[in-house]
Amino acid sequence: MRLSDLQSKYIVNVNDGKNIGNIIDVKIDEESGAIVSLVIEPNKNFFSFSKGKMDTEIRWNTIEKIGEDVILVNITL
């Protein structure tokens, strides 16, 4: 799977069903080459408490399932 494939998917939190945002980048462990986290440009409605534009990270280990159209994550805010 390519980064461009991941970027076309919605990121949805399984705890509340909300769309979190769009993938704009990934962080990779330099030593192992493994993906550490997805860098997300937040959905304006999801992170409405933050002021201005703030990117956030979704840790790779919080991903529950990568589907055809959606990436399900399990995070608590």
N, C-alpha and C. Protein backbone atom coordinates (compact mmCIF):
# COMPACT_ATOMS: atom_id res chain seq x y z
N MET A 1 0.85 -1.18 0.00
CA MET A 1 0.00 0.00 0.00
C MET A 1 0.89 1.24 0.00
N ARG A 2 0.47 2.22 -0.75
CA ARG A 2 1.22 3.47 -0.87
C ARG A 2 0.60 4.55 0.03
N LEU A 3 1.40 5.58 0.31
CA LEU A 3 0.90 6.71 1.07
C LEU A 3 -0.30 7.33 0.38
N SER A 4 -0.26 7.43 -0.93
CA SER A 4 -1.38 8.03 -1.67
C SER A 4 -2.66 7.22 -1.48
N ASP A 5 -2.54 5.89 -1.30
CA ASP A 5 -3.72 5.06 -1.02
C ASP A 5 -4.30 5.40 0.35
N LEU A 6 -3.43 5.59 1.32
CA LEU A 6 -3.89 5.94 2.67
C LEU A 6 -4.53 7.32 2.70
N GLN A 7 -3.95 8.26 1.96
CA GLN A 7 -4.44 9.63 1.98
C GLN A 7 -5.86 9.78 1.44
N SER A 8 -6.31 8.84 0.65
CA SER A 8 -7.66 8.94 0.08
C SER A 8 -8.73 8.39 1.01
N LYS A 9 -8.33 7.85 2.16
CA LYS A 9 -9.29 7.24 3.10
C LYS A 9 -9.69 8.21 4.20
N TYR A 10 -10.91 8.07 4.69
CA TYR A 10 -11.38 8.83 5.84
C TYR A 10 -10.79 8.21 7.10
N ILE A 11 -10.46 9.04 8.09
CA ILE A 11 -9.99 8.56 9.39
C ILE A 11 -11.17 8.72 10.35
N VAL A 12 -11.66 7.60 10.90
CA VAL A 12 -12.84 7.62 11.75
C VAL A 12 -12.51 7.02 13.11
N ASN A 13 -12.91 7.71 14.17
CA ASN A 13 -12.71 7.23 15.53
C ASN A 13 -13.82 6.25 15.89
N VAL A 14 -13.44 5.02 16.28
CA VAL A 14 -14.45 4.00 16.59
C VAL A 14 -15.20 4.32 17.88
N ASN A 15 -14.66 5.19 18.73
CA ASN A 15 -15.32 5.52 19.99
C ASN A 15 -16.56 6.39 19.81
N ASP A 16 -16.55 7.26 18.80
CA ASP A 16 -17.70 8.14 18.61
C ASP A 16 -18.17 8.24 17.16
N GLY A 17 -17.47 7.57 16.25
CA GLY A 17 -17.87 7.56 14.84
C GLY A 17 -17.57 8.83 14.08
N LYS A 18 -16.80 9.75 14.68
CA LYS A 18 -16.52 11.02 14.02
C LYS A 18 -15.35 10.92 13.05
N ASN A 19 -15.47 11.68 11.97
CA ASN A 19 -14.39 11.82 11.01
C ASN A 19 -13.33 12.72 11.63
N ILE A 20 -12.10 12.22 11.75
CA ILE A 20 -11.04 12.97 12.42
C ILE A 20 -10.37 13.96 11.49
N GLY A 21 -10.07 13.56 10.27
CA GLY A 21 -9.39 14.46 9.35
C GLY A 21 -8.74 13.69 8.22
N ASN A 22 -7.81 14.34 7.55
CA ASN A 22 -7.13 13.75 6.39
C ASN A 22 -5.65 13.53 6.68
N ILE A 23 -5.11 12.45 6.14
CA ILE A 23 -3.69 12.17 6.28
C ILE A 23 -2.92 13.11 5.36
N ILE A 24 -1.94 13.81 5.95
CA ILE A 24 -1.10 14.68 5.13
C ILE A 24 0.34 14.21 5.11
N ASP A 25 0.71 13.30 6.04
CA ASP A 25 2.08 12.81 6.08
C ASP A 25 2.14 11.60 7.01
N VAL A 26 3.28 10.94 7.04
CA VAL A 26 3.52 9.85 7.99
C VAL A 26 4.86 10.08 8.67
N LYS A 27 5.00 9.58 9.89
CA LYS A 27 6.29 9.59 10.59
C LYS A 27 6.81 8.16 10.58
N ILE A 28 8.09 8.03 10.23
CA ILE A 28 8.71 6.72 10.11
C ILE A 28 9.90 6.63 11.05
N ASP A 29 10.02 5.49 11.72
CA ASP A 29 11.18 5.23 12.58
C ASP A 29 12.40 5.07 11.68
N GLU A 30 13.40 5.90 11.89
CA GLU A 30 14.57 5.90 11.01
C GLU A 30 15.36 4.60 11.08
N GLU A 31 15.38 3.96 12.23
CA GLU A 31 16.16 2.74 12.38
C GLU A 31 15.46 1.52 11.79
N SER A 32 14.18 1.37 12.08
CA SER A 32 13.47 0.16 11.63
C SER A 32 12.75 0.34 10.30
N GLY A 33 12.43 1.59 9.95
CA GLY A 33 11.66 1.85 8.73
C GLY A 33 10.17 1.67 8.91
N ALA A 34 9.73 1.37 10.15
CA ALA A 34 8.31 1.16 10.44
C ALA A 34 7.58 2.49 10.58
N ILE A 35 6.31 2.50 10.19
CA ILE A 35 5.47 3.69 10.38
C ILE A 35 5.17 3.84 11.86
N VAL A 36 5.43 5.02 12.41
CA VAL A 36 5.18 5.32 13.82
C VAL A 36 3.81 5.96 13.99
N SER A 37 3.49 6.91 13.11
CA SER A 37 2.21 7.62 13.23
C SER A 37 1.81 8.24 11.91
N LEU A 38 0.52 8.54 11.82
CA LEU A 38 -0.04 9.27 10.69
C LEU A 38 -0.19 10.72 11.11
N VAL A 39 0.25 11.65 10.30
CA VAL A 39 0.08 13.07 10.59
C VAL A 39 -1.22 13.50 9.92
N ILE A 40 -2.10 14.07 10.73
CA ILE A 40 -3.46 14.38 10.30
C ILE A 40 -3.68 15.88 10.27
N GLU A 41 -4.30 16.34 9.18
CA GLU A 41 -4.82 17.70 9.14
C GLU A 41 -6.24 17.57 9.68
N PRO A 42 -6.48 18.07 10.88
CA PRO A 42 -7.76 17.80 11.54
C PRO A 42 -8.96 18.35 10.81
N ASN A 43 -10.06 17.61 10.94
CA ASN A 43 -11.37 18.08 10.50
C ASN A 43 -11.71 19.26 11.39
N LYS A 44 -12.14 20.37 10.83
CA LYS A 44 -12.41 21.58 11.61
C LYS A 44 -13.44 21.34 12.71
N ASN A 45 -14.39 20.47 12.49
CA ASN A 45 -15.42 20.20 13.48
C ASN A 45 -14.92 19.28 14.60
N PHE A 46 -13.97 18.39 14.28
CA PHE A 46 -13.51 17.41 15.26
C PHE A 46 -12.62 18.05 16.31
N PHE A 47 -11.69 18.89 15.90
CA PHE A 47 -10.78 19.53 16.84
C PHE A 47 -11.16 21.00 17.00
N SER A 48 -12.40 21.28 17.21
CA SER A 48 -12.88 22.65 17.24
C SER A 48 -12.35 23.43 18.44
N PHE A 49 -11.87 22.74 19.46
CA PHE A 49 -11.36 23.42 20.64
C PHE A 49 -10.00 24.06 20.40
N SER A 50 -9.29 23.64 19.36
CA SER A 50 -7.96 24.20 19.09
C SER A 50 -8.09 25.44 18.23
N LYS A 51 -7.20 26.38 18.47
CA LYS A 51 -7.22 27.62 17.70
C LYS A 51 -6.23 27.52 16.57
N GLY A 52 -6.62 28.03 15.41
CA GLY A 52 -5.73 28.02 14.27
C GLY A 52 -5.58 26.63 13.68
N LYS A 53 -4.66 26.54 12.75
CA LYS A 53 -4.42 25.26 12.07
C LYS A 53 -3.38 24.48 12.87
N MET A 54 -3.77 23.30 13.34
CA MET A 54 -2.85 22.48 14.11
C MET A 54 -2.94 21.04 13.62
N ASP A 55 -1.82 20.51 13.17
CA ASP A 55 -1.78 19.12 12.76
C ASP A 55 -1.66 18.26 14.01
N THR A 56 -2.15 17.05 13.91
CA THR A 56 -2.06 16.12 15.03
C THR A 56 -1.56 14.78 14.51
N GLU A 57 -1.17 13.92 15.43
CA GLU A 57 -0.67 12.60 15.04
C GLU A 57 -1.56 11.51 15.59
N ILE A 58 -1.76 10.49 14.78
CA ILE A 58 -2.47 9.29 15.20
C ILE A 58 -1.43 8.18 15.24
N ARG A 59 -1.16 7.66 16.42
CA ARG A 59 -0.16 6.59 16.56
C ARG A 59 -0.60 5.36 15.78
N TRP A 60 0.34 4.70 15.13
CA TRP A 60 0.07 3.54 14.30
C TRP A 60 -0.62 2.44 15.10
N ASN A 61 -0.24 2.30 16.38
CA ASN A 61 -0.82 1.22 17.19
C ASN A 61 -2.27 1.49 17.60
N THR A 62 -2.82 2.67 17.28
CA THR A 62 -4.24 2.94 17.58
C THR A 62 -5.15 2.57 16.41
N ILE A 63 -4.55 2.17 15.28
CA ILE A 63 -5.35 1.79 14.12
C ILE A 63 -5.97 0.41 14.36
N GLU A 64 -7.29 0.36 14.27
CA GLU A 64 -8.03 -0.89 14.45
C GLU A 64 -8.16 -1.67 13.14
N LYS A 65 -8.44 -0.93 12.05
CA LYS A 65 -8.71 -1.59 10.77
C LYS A 65 -8.50 -0.59 9.65
N ILE A 66 -7.87 -1.05 8.58
CA ILE A 66 -7.76 -0.25 7.36
C ILE A 66 -8.66 -0.91 6.33
N GLY A 67 -9.74 -0.20 5.98
CA GLY A 67 -10.70 -0.73 5.02
C GLY A 67 -10.50 -0.11 3.65
N GLU A 68 -11.42 -0.38 2.77
CA GLU A 68 -11.35 0.13 1.40
C GLU A 68 -11.47 1.65 1.35
N ASP A 69 -12.36 2.21 2.19
CA ASP A 69 -12.62 3.65 2.18
C ASP A 69 -12.28 4.35 3.49
N VAL A 70 -12.08 3.58 4.56
CA VAL A 70 -11.98 4.15 5.90
C VAL A 70 -10.82 3.51 6.67
N ILE A 71 -10.18 4.33 7.52
CA ILE A 71 -9.23 3.83 8.50
C ILE A 71 -9.88 4.05 9.87
N LEU A 72 -10.13 2.96 10.58
CA LEU A 72 -10.74 3.05 11.91
C LEU A 72 -9.66 3.11 12.97
N VAL A 73 -9.73 4.14 13.83
CA VAL A 73 -8.77 4.30 14.91
C VAL A 73 -9.49 4.33 16.24
N ASN A 74 -8.79 3.94 17.28
CA ASN A 74 -9.35 3.90 18.63
C ASN A 74 -8.58 4.89 19.49
N ILE A 75 -9.09 6.13 19.56
CA ILE A 75 -8.45 7.15 20.37
C ILE A 75 -9.45 7.79 21.30
N THR A 76 -8.96 8.26 22.43
CA THR A 76 -9.78 8.95 23.41
C THR A 76 -9.28 10.37 23.53
N LEU A 77 -10.19 11.33 23.41
CA LEU A 77 -9.81 12.74 23.53
C LEU A 77 -10.31 13.32 24.82
